Amino acid sequence: MKKIADDLRCGLRYGWLLLPAVLLSMGFLGFSRDKLDADQFVLALEDFKRVCASDPAAAFEQYVEADVQQELGRREAILCPVTDSVQGWGAFFGSAVYTLAPPCGDTGLVLFYHPCSDTALLTVWRLNKGRLAVVDAELFMGDFIRRAGEPMFDPQPYWLRAGAPPVLGLAMAVNATIEAFQRLYGGCGKAAELVEWEKKLANVQDEETMYLNHTAVSLMFERQILMVEELFNSDAARPVARKLEGVIARLADGEAESVLKEADETNPLSAMAVRNLPPAAWRGLAAVSYIDSDQSSLVMLSPAGGGDQVYGLLFDRNRTGVRLRRIEAIDFHAAYQNRRQIAEIAEGGER
């Protein structure tokens, strides 16, 4: 197996959904008692994220210290004050990516980032007598991480103000957040530096700043949840929802060429991604964002079980009906590896 630690600085999770669970069930993820192995750490993170997407209570019971579970309960009320916590955490971890600092001794530091809402959960992990668990956690809006705690913070998600096509804007948000985290913590050489992560973020100890940060997190994350609910529950969005279901059904039936003929503004790289996705995988995608304007609608799709890919479907609406104009596709892992080119494309206005 290629050593996972080689890609720690890339920071994006790999597309292994079942491997961690299999290894855990076979007893292959046992840790030494005092040193956190990078490869095993990533596999444990994969399992944690996978379980969180469907059963957060079970994931927290297995991977979070008891006192921190109580703290996460308070953070839960911040992340999703209206939405049911299972749905909220499931939505967060179901489409989050993560980046981590190289483990030091028994300690690891991981940032889970939800691109559509531009919110993040920073977690400290510690290995104690062979058990790996979260021992500290905090919620942040994306700008807090990217600006190292220095105001001003914008509650509008980064991808909506990036001045780029939406899916490209999401990739830029992921890239900027990972780069900022790695600047802050990628060079840490001692466990104490990871445990005392607050020292590298300004204003973490300022109550007013953190109150504003938490308020923004609530608004930003809940807005994404409510937008997706609007797509499937409002009368105004029903034509778009029906069209989306029809497009997914056609793609799942292997009709990619027919769909791309309709979506005639799709760029060549995105068209290749559409063709390369196995037909059955289209039914495994879930809506993670929905934006509506006077004459168009955008639906963002991502693998429901977790994945680094996002597909943006842009629909035109008029009196005669709804038409699929364009599909944008991107893989966050590849986009981070090619982040300079992504920035150049965005700056040049290419699609």
Protein backbone atom coordinates (compact mmCIF):
# COMPACT_ATOMS: atom_id res chain seq x y z
CA MET A 1 0.00 0.00 0.00
CA LYS A 2 1.27 3.43 -0.89
CA LYS A 3 2.14 5.17 2.36
CA ILE A 4 -0.72 7.50 3.25
CA ALA A 5 1.54 9.78 5.24
CA ASP A 6 3.19 10.90 2.00
CA ASP A 7 0.04 12.91 1.26
CA LEU A 8 -0.59 14.44 4.68
CA ARG A 9 0.24 17.91 3.45
CA CYS A 10 -2.28 17.54 0.68
CA GLY A 11 -4.71 17.01 3.50
CA LEU A 12 -7.71 15.70 1.55
CA ARG A 13 -9.24 12.47 2.57
CA TYR A 14 -9.11 9.46 0.28
CA GLY A 15 -12.13 7.79 -1.20
CA TRP A 16 -12.02 4.71 0.99
CA LEU A 17 -15.49 4.25 2.43
CA LEU A 18 -15.51 0.62 3.50
CA LEU A 19 -11.84 -0.20 4.09
CA PRO A 20 -11.58 1.40 7.57
CA ALA A 21 -14.67 -0.43 8.80
CA VAL A 22 -13.37 -3.73 7.46
CA LEU A 23 -9.98 -3.22 9.06
CA LEU A 24 -11.58 -2.26 12.37
CA SER A 25 -13.78 -5.33 12.35
CA MET A 26 -10.74 -7.52 11.67
CA GLY A 27 -8.68 -5.88 14.39
CA PHE A 28 -6.13 -4.34 12.02
CA LEU A 29 -6.39 -0.78 13.35
CA GLY A 30 -4.82 -1.37 16.75
CA PHE A 31 -2.47 1.42 17.78
CA SER A 32 0.72 1.21 19.73
CA ARG A 33 0.23 2.53 23.26
CA ASP A 34 2.16 5.78 22.95
CA LYS A 35 2.79 6.75 19.31
CA LEU A 36 0.22 7.81 16.74
CA ASP A 37 1.00 6.16 13.39
CA ALA A 38 0.07 8.43 10.46
CA ASP A 39 -1.33 5.66 8.26
CA GLN A 40 -3.52 4.24 11.00
CA PHE A 41 -4.60 7.73 12.00
CA VAL A 42 -5.96 8.45 8.53
CA LEU A 43 -7.82 5.15 8.45
CA ALA A 44 -9.38 5.93 11.83
CA LEU A 45 -10.40 9.38 10.58
CA GLU A 46 -12.05 7.77 7.58
CA ASP A 47 -14.03 5.49 9.84
CA PHE A 48 -14.96 8.34 12.20
CA LYS A 49 -16.22 10.47 9.33
CA ARG A 50 -18.09 7.58 7.72
CA VAL A 51 -19.93 6.70 10.93
CA CYS A 52 -20.61 10.36 11.75
CA ALA A 53 -22.43 10.74 8.43
CA SER A 54 -25.06 8.17 9.45
CA ASP A 55 -24.87 7.72 13.24
CA PRO A 56 -23.03 10.59 14.92
CA ALA A 57 -23.92 9.40 18.43
CA ALA A 58 -22.20 6.06 17.78
CA ALA A 59 -19.16 7.81 16.30
CA PHE A 60 -18.87 10.16 19.27
CA GLU A 61 -19.23 7.27 21.72
CA GLN A 62 -16.41 5.41 20.01
CA TYR A 63 -14.05 8.24 19.16
CA VAL A 64 -14.72 11.15 21.57
CA GLU A 65 -13.77 11.40 25.24
CA ALA A 66 -16.77 11.57 27.57
CA ASP A 67 -16.21 15.14 28.74
CA VAL A 68 -15.66 16.29 25.17
CA GLN A 69 -18.92 14.62 24.13
CA GLN A 70 -20.67 17.09 26.40
CA GLU A 71 -18.74 19.93 24.80
CA LEU A 72 -19.68 18.66 21.34
CA GLY A 73 -23.30 18.70 22.50
CA ARG A 74 -22.94 22.43 23.09
CA ARG A 75 -21.20 22.84 19.74
CA GLU A 76 -24.01 20.85 18.16
CA ALA A 77 -26.48 23.49 19.33
CA ILE A 78 -24.30 26.07 17.56
CA LEU A 79 -23.91 24.15 14.30
CA CYS A 80 -27.57 23.28 13.89
CA PRO A 81 -29.81 25.17 16.33
CA VAL A 82 -32.91 24.36 14.25
CA THR A 83 -32.06 21.19 12.36
CA ASP A 84 -32.15 17.80 14.08
CA SER A 85 -28.64 16.98 15.30
CA VAL A 86 -28.44 13.64 13.47
CA GLN A 87 -29.36 15.34 10.21
CA GLY A 88 -27.04 18.25 10.96
CA TRP A 89 -23.92 16.26 11.80
CA GLY A 90 -24.76 13.84 8.99
CA ALA A 91 -24.89 16.70 6.49
CA PHE A 92 -21.68 18.19 7.86
CA PHE A 93 -19.55 15.04 7.83
CA GLY A 94 -21.26 13.62 4.76
CA SER A 95 -19.74 16.28 2.50
CA ALA A 96 -16.79 17.53 4.58
CA VAL A 97 -13.17 17.21 3.57
CA TYR A 98 -10.37 17.24 6.07
CA THR A 99 -6.77 18.21 6.49
CA LEU A 100 -4.39 17.25 9.28
CA ALA A 101 -1.07 18.30 10.72
CA PRO A 102 1.59 15.58 10.83
CA PRO A 103 1.03 13.68 14.11
CA CYS A 104 3.44 14.41 16.94
CA GLY A 105 3.95 11.59 19.45
CA ASP A 106 0.51 10.66 20.74
CA THR A 107 -1.27 13.76 19.36
CA GLY A 108 -2.94 14.75 16.11
CA LEU A 109 -4.76 17.88 14.92
CA VAL A 110 -7.49 17.66 12.26
CA LEU A 111 -9.68 20.24 10.57
CA PHE A 112 -12.96 19.01 9.07
CA TYR A 113 -14.20 21.54 6.53
CA HIS A 114 -17.68 21.77 5.03
CA PRO A 115 -17.18 23.67 1.75
CA CYS A 116 -20.77 24.64 0.91
CA SER A 117 -21.43 26.31 4.25
CA ASP A 118 -17.80 27.43 4.66
CA THR A 119 -17.69 26.14 8.24
CA ALA A 120 -15.10 23.98 10.00
CA LEU A 121 -14.64 21.78 13.04
CA LEU A 122 -11.11 21.75 14.50
CA THR A 123 -10.34 18.63 16.55
CA VAL A 124 -7.43 17.51 18.73
CA TRP A 125 -6.86 13.74 18.87
CA ARG A 126 -4.82 11.82 21.41
CA LEU A 127 -3.72 8.22 21.67
CA ASN A 128 -3.98 6.95 25.24
CA LYS A 129 -3.27 3.31 26.11
CA GLY A 130 -4.05 2.20 22.59
CA ARG A 131 -7.31 4.19 22.27
CA LEU A 132 -7.52 7.12 19.89
CA ALA A 133 -10.04 9.82 20.82
CA VAL A 134 -10.96 13.46 20.32
CA VAL A 135 -9.91 15.46 23.38
CA ASP A 136 -10.78 18.98 22.18
CA ALA A 137 -13.00 20.50 19.50
CA GLU A 138 -14.11 23.92 18.28
CA LEU A 139 -16.30 25.28 15.47
CA PHE A 140 -15.15 28.07 13.16
CA MET A 141 -16.35 29.93 10.13
CA GLY A 142 -13.95 29.48 7.23
CA ASP A 143 -12.60 33.04 7.36
CA PHE A 144 -11.51 32.56 10.98
CA ILE A 145 -9.09 29.83 9.89
CA ARG A 146 -8.02 31.51 6.66
CA ARG A 147 -7.34 34.81 8.47
CA ALA A 148 -5.78 33.14 11.52
CA GLY A 149 -8.39 34.76 13.75
CA GLU A 150 -7.82 38.31 12.51
CA PRO A 151 -11.03 40.20 11.53
CA MET A 152 -12.78 40.98 9.25
CA PHE A 153 -14.84 37.81 8.80
CA ASP A 154 -17.42 37.50 6.04
CA PRO A 155 -20.46 35.27 6.74
CA GLN A 156 -21.09 34.81 3.04
CA PRO A 157 -19.50 31.46 2.07
CA TYR A 158 -16.20 31.84 0.27
CA TRP A 159 -17.34 30.08 -2.90
CA LEU A 160 -20.18 32.56 -3.38
CA ARG A 161 -17.79 35.52 -3.33
CA ALA A 162 -14.81 33.97 -5.10
CA GLY A 163 -15.72 35.54 -8.45
CA ALA A 164 -15.56 32.13 -10.14
CA PRO A 165 -18.05 29.55 -11.43
CA PRO A 166 -19.66 27.90 -8.38
CA VAL A 167 -17.94 24.52 -8.41
CA LEU A 168 -14.59 26.14 -9.12
CA GLY A 169 -15.32 28.52 -6.26
CA LEU A 170 -15.85 25.54 -3.94
CA ALA A 171 -12.46 24.15 -4.94
CA MET A 172 -10.87 27.53 -4.28
CA ALA A 173 -12.50 27.59 -0.82
CA VAL A 174 -11.14 24.13 -0.01
CA ASN A 175 -7.68 25.03 -1.30
CA ALA A 176 -7.51 28.32 0.61
CA THR A 177 -8.68 26.70 3.86
CA ILE A 178 -6.26 23.79 3.66
CA GLU A 179 -3.37 26.08 2.79
CA ALA A 180 -4.18 28.32 5.77
CA PHE A 181 -4.39 25.35 8.16
CA GLN A 182 -1.09 23.97 6.91
CA ARG A 183 0.60 27.36 7.29
CA LEU A 184 -0.58 27.46 10.89
CA TYR A 185 0.02 23.87 11.95
CA GLY A 186 1.81 21.93 9.22
CA GLY A 187 5.23 22.76 10.67
CA CYS A 188 4.45 21.88 14.28
CA GLY A 189 7.10 19.53 15.62
CA LYS A 190 5.85 18.98 19.16
CA ALA A 191 2.65 17.55 20.58
CA ALA A 192 2.28 20.60 22.85
CA GLU A 193 2.02 22.86 19.80
CA LEU A 194 -0.97 20.86 18.56
CA VAL A 195 -2.65 20.69 21.96
CA GLU A 196 -2.20 24.44 22.35
CA TRP A 197 -3.57 25.20 18.90
CA GLU A 198 -5.25 28.37 20.22
CA LYS A 199 -1.88 30.12 20.39
CA LYS A 200 -1.73 30.31 16.60
CA LEU A 201 -5.22 31.80 16.21
CA ALA A 202 -5.86 35.37 17.28
CA ASN A 203 -8.97 36.24 19.28
CA VAL A 204 -9.88 32.66 20.28
CA GLN A 205 -9.91 33.79 23.90
CA ASP A 206 -11.99 36.88 23.13
CA GLU A 207 -15.59 36.15 24.14
CA GLU A 208 -17.20 38.68 21.83
CA THR A 209 -15.24 37.49 18.78
CA MET A 210 -16.05 33.85 19.49
CA TYR A 211 -19.71 34.68 20.04
CA LEU A 212 -19.81 36.37 16.63
CA ASN A 213 -17.92 33.42 15.12
CA HIS A 214 -20.41 30.90 16.55
CA THR A 215 -23.38 33.01 15.46
CA ALA A 216 -22.02 33.11 11.93
CA VAL A 217 -21.44 29.34 11.94
CA SER A 218 -25.08 28.79 12.91
CA LEU A 219 -26.38 31.05 10.15
CA MET A 220 -24.02 29.73 7.47
CA PHE A 221 -24.61 26.04 8.12
CA GLU A 222 -28.36 26.19 8.73
CA ARG A 223 -28.79 28.24 5.57
CA GLN A 224 -27.33 25.40 3.50
CA ILE A 225 -29.60 22.85 5.18
CA LEU A 226 -32.69 24.99 4.64
CA MET A 227 -31.77 25.68 1.01
CA VAL A 228 -31.63 21.95 0.24
CA GLU A 229 -34.93 21.40 2.06
CA GLU A 230 -36.47 24.14 -0.06
CA LEU A 231 -35.47 22.30 -3.24
CA PHE A 232 -37.48 19.22 -2.28
CA ASN A 233 -40.30 20.76 -0.25
CA SER A 234 -41.32 24.07 -1.81
CA ASP A 235 -43.85 24.49 -4.59
CA ALA A 236 -41.62 27.04 -6.34
CA ALA A 237 -38.71 24.60 -6.61
CA ARG A 238 -40.78 21.53 -7.54
CA PRO A 239 -40.14 21.85 -11.33
CA VAL A 240 -36.39 21.94 -10.68
CA ALA A 241 -36.58 18.96 -8.31
CA ARG A 242 -38.53 16.95 -10.89
CA LYS A 243 -36.04 17.87 -13.61
CA LEU A 244 -33.13 16.93 -11.34
CA GLU A 245 -34.71 13.54 -10.62
CA GLY A 246 -35.17 12.97 -14.35
CA VAL A 247 -31.55 13.89 -15.13
CA ILE A 248 -30.25 11.58 -12.39
CA ALA A 249 -32.45 8.76 -13.69
CA ARG A 250 -31.11 9.20 -17.23
CA LEU A 251 -27.51 9.26 -16.06
CA ALA A 252 -28.13 6.19 -13.89
CA ASP A 253 -29.49 4.45 -16.99
CA GLY A 254 -26.25 5.15 -18.86
CA GLU A 255 -27.55 8.06 -20.94
CA ALA A 256 -24.61 10.38 -20.26
CA GLU A 257 -24.24 11.40 -23.90
CA SER A 258 -27.89 12.39 -24.15
CA VAL A 259 -27.66 14.45 -20.97
CA LEU A 260 -24.47 16.17 -22.11
CA LYS A 261 -26.09 17.00 -25.44
CA GLU A 262 -28.77 18.88 -23.51
CA ALA A 263 -26.22 20.45 -21.13
CA ASP A 264 -24.37 21.95 -24.08
CA GLU A 265 -22.37 24.48 -22.02
CA THR A 266 -20.55 21.76 -20.08
CA ASN A 267 -16.77 22.15 -20.40
CA PRO A 268 -14.68 19.22 -21.72
CA LEU A 269 -13.12 18.27 -18.37
CA SER A 270 -16.49 18.20 -16.62
CA ALA A 271 -17.98 16.24 -19.52
CA MET A 272 -15.21 13.67 -19.09
CA ALA A 273 -16.01 13.41 -15.37
CA VAL A 274 -19.69 12.86 -16.16
CA ARG A 275 -18.83 10.11 -18.64
CA ASN A 276 -16.39 8.45 -16.25
CA LEU A 277 -18.75 8.22 -13.27
CA PRO A 278 -20.33 4.74 -13.25
CA PRO A 279 -24.06 5.01 -13.99
CA ALA A 280 -25.08 3.40 -10.69
CA ALA A 281 -23.06 6.00 -8.76
CA TRP A 282 -25.39 8.79 -9.83
CA ARG A 283 -28.13 7.45 -7.57
CA GLY A 284 -25.69 7.64 -4.68
CA LEU A 285 -25.33 11.41 -4.95
CA ALA A 286 -27.09 13.75 -2.54
CA ALA A 287 -27.93 17.44 -2.84
CA VAL A 288 -25.63 19.52 -0.64
CA SER A 289 -26.59 23.01 -1.82
CA TYR A 290 -29.32 24.76 -3.78
CA ILE A 291 -29.36 28.33 -5.08
CA ASP A 292 -32.28 29.88 -6.89
CA SER A 293 -32.46 33.09 -8.92
CA ASP A 294 -35.07 34.62 -11.22
CA GLN A 295 -34.36 32.44 -14.25
CA SER A 296 -31.87 29.81 -13.14
CA SER A 297 -31.21 27.29 -10.38
CA LEU A 298 -28.02 25.59 -9.23
CA VAL A 299 -27.97 22.23 -7.45
CA MET A 300 -24.75 20.88 -5.95
CA LEU A 301 -24.44 17.10 -5.63
CA SER A 302 -21.89 15.05 -3.70
CA PRO A 303 -21.58 11.33 -2.84
CA ALA A 304 -23.98 10.67 0.03
CA GLY A 305 -21.53 8.38 1.81
CA GLY A 306 -18.72 10.90 1.55
CA GLY A 307 -16.42 11.76 -1.30
CA ASP A 308 -14.17 14.45 -2.71
CA GLN A 309 -16.25 15.03 -5.83
CA VAL A 310 -18.89 17.71 -6.39
CA TYR A 311 -21.20 18.04 -9.37
CA GLY A 312 -22.96 21.34 -10.00
CA LEU A 313 -26.04 21.21 -12.22
CA LEU A 314 -27.17 24.57 -13.59
CA PHE A 315 -30.77 24.74 -14.79
CA ASP A 316 -32.51 27.42 -16.83
CA ARG A 317 -36.15 28.12 -15.99
CA ASN A 318 -38.78 29.82 -18.12
CA ARG A 319 -42.48 29.53 -18.91
CA THR A 320 -41.94 26.48 -21.09
CA GLY A 321 -40.12 24.48 -18.43
CA VAL A 322 -36.71 23.67 -17.00
CA ARG A 323 -33.59 22.92 -19.05
CA LEU A 324 -30.22 21.60 -17.92
CA ARG A 325 -27.70 24.08 -19.23
CA ARG A 326 -24.41 22.93 -17.74
CA ILE A 327 -22.77 20.39 -15.46
CA GLU A 328 -19.64 21.39 -13.56
CA ALA A 329 -17.58 18.68 -11.91
CA ILE A 330 -14.50 18.81 -9.74
CA ASP A 331 -12.47 16.52 -7.50
CA PHE A 332 -11.15 18.36 -4.45
CA HIS A 333 -8.10 16.14 -4.13
CA ALA A 334 -7.03 16.80 -7.73
CA ALA A 335 -7.93 20.48 -7.40
CA TYR A 336 -5.67 20.86 -4.38
CA GLN A 337 -2.80 19.13 -6.15
CA ASN A 338 -3.31 21.59 -9.03
CA ARG A 339 -4.26 24.63 -6.95
CA ARG A 340 -2.02 27.06 -8.83
CA GLN A 341 -3.71 26.16 -12.11
CA ILE A 342 -7.12 26.44 -10.44
CA ALA A 343 -6.28 29.96 -9.27
CA GLU A 344 -5.08 30.91 -12.75
CA ILE A 345 -8.25 29.55 -14.35
CA ALA A 346 -10.40 31.50 -11.91
CA GLU A 347 -8.42 34.68 -12.46
CA GLY A 348 -8.71 34.31 -16.22
CA GLY A 349 -12.44 33.70 -16.07
CA GLU A 350 -12.18 30.35 -17.85
CA ARG A 351 -14.82 27.67 -17.40
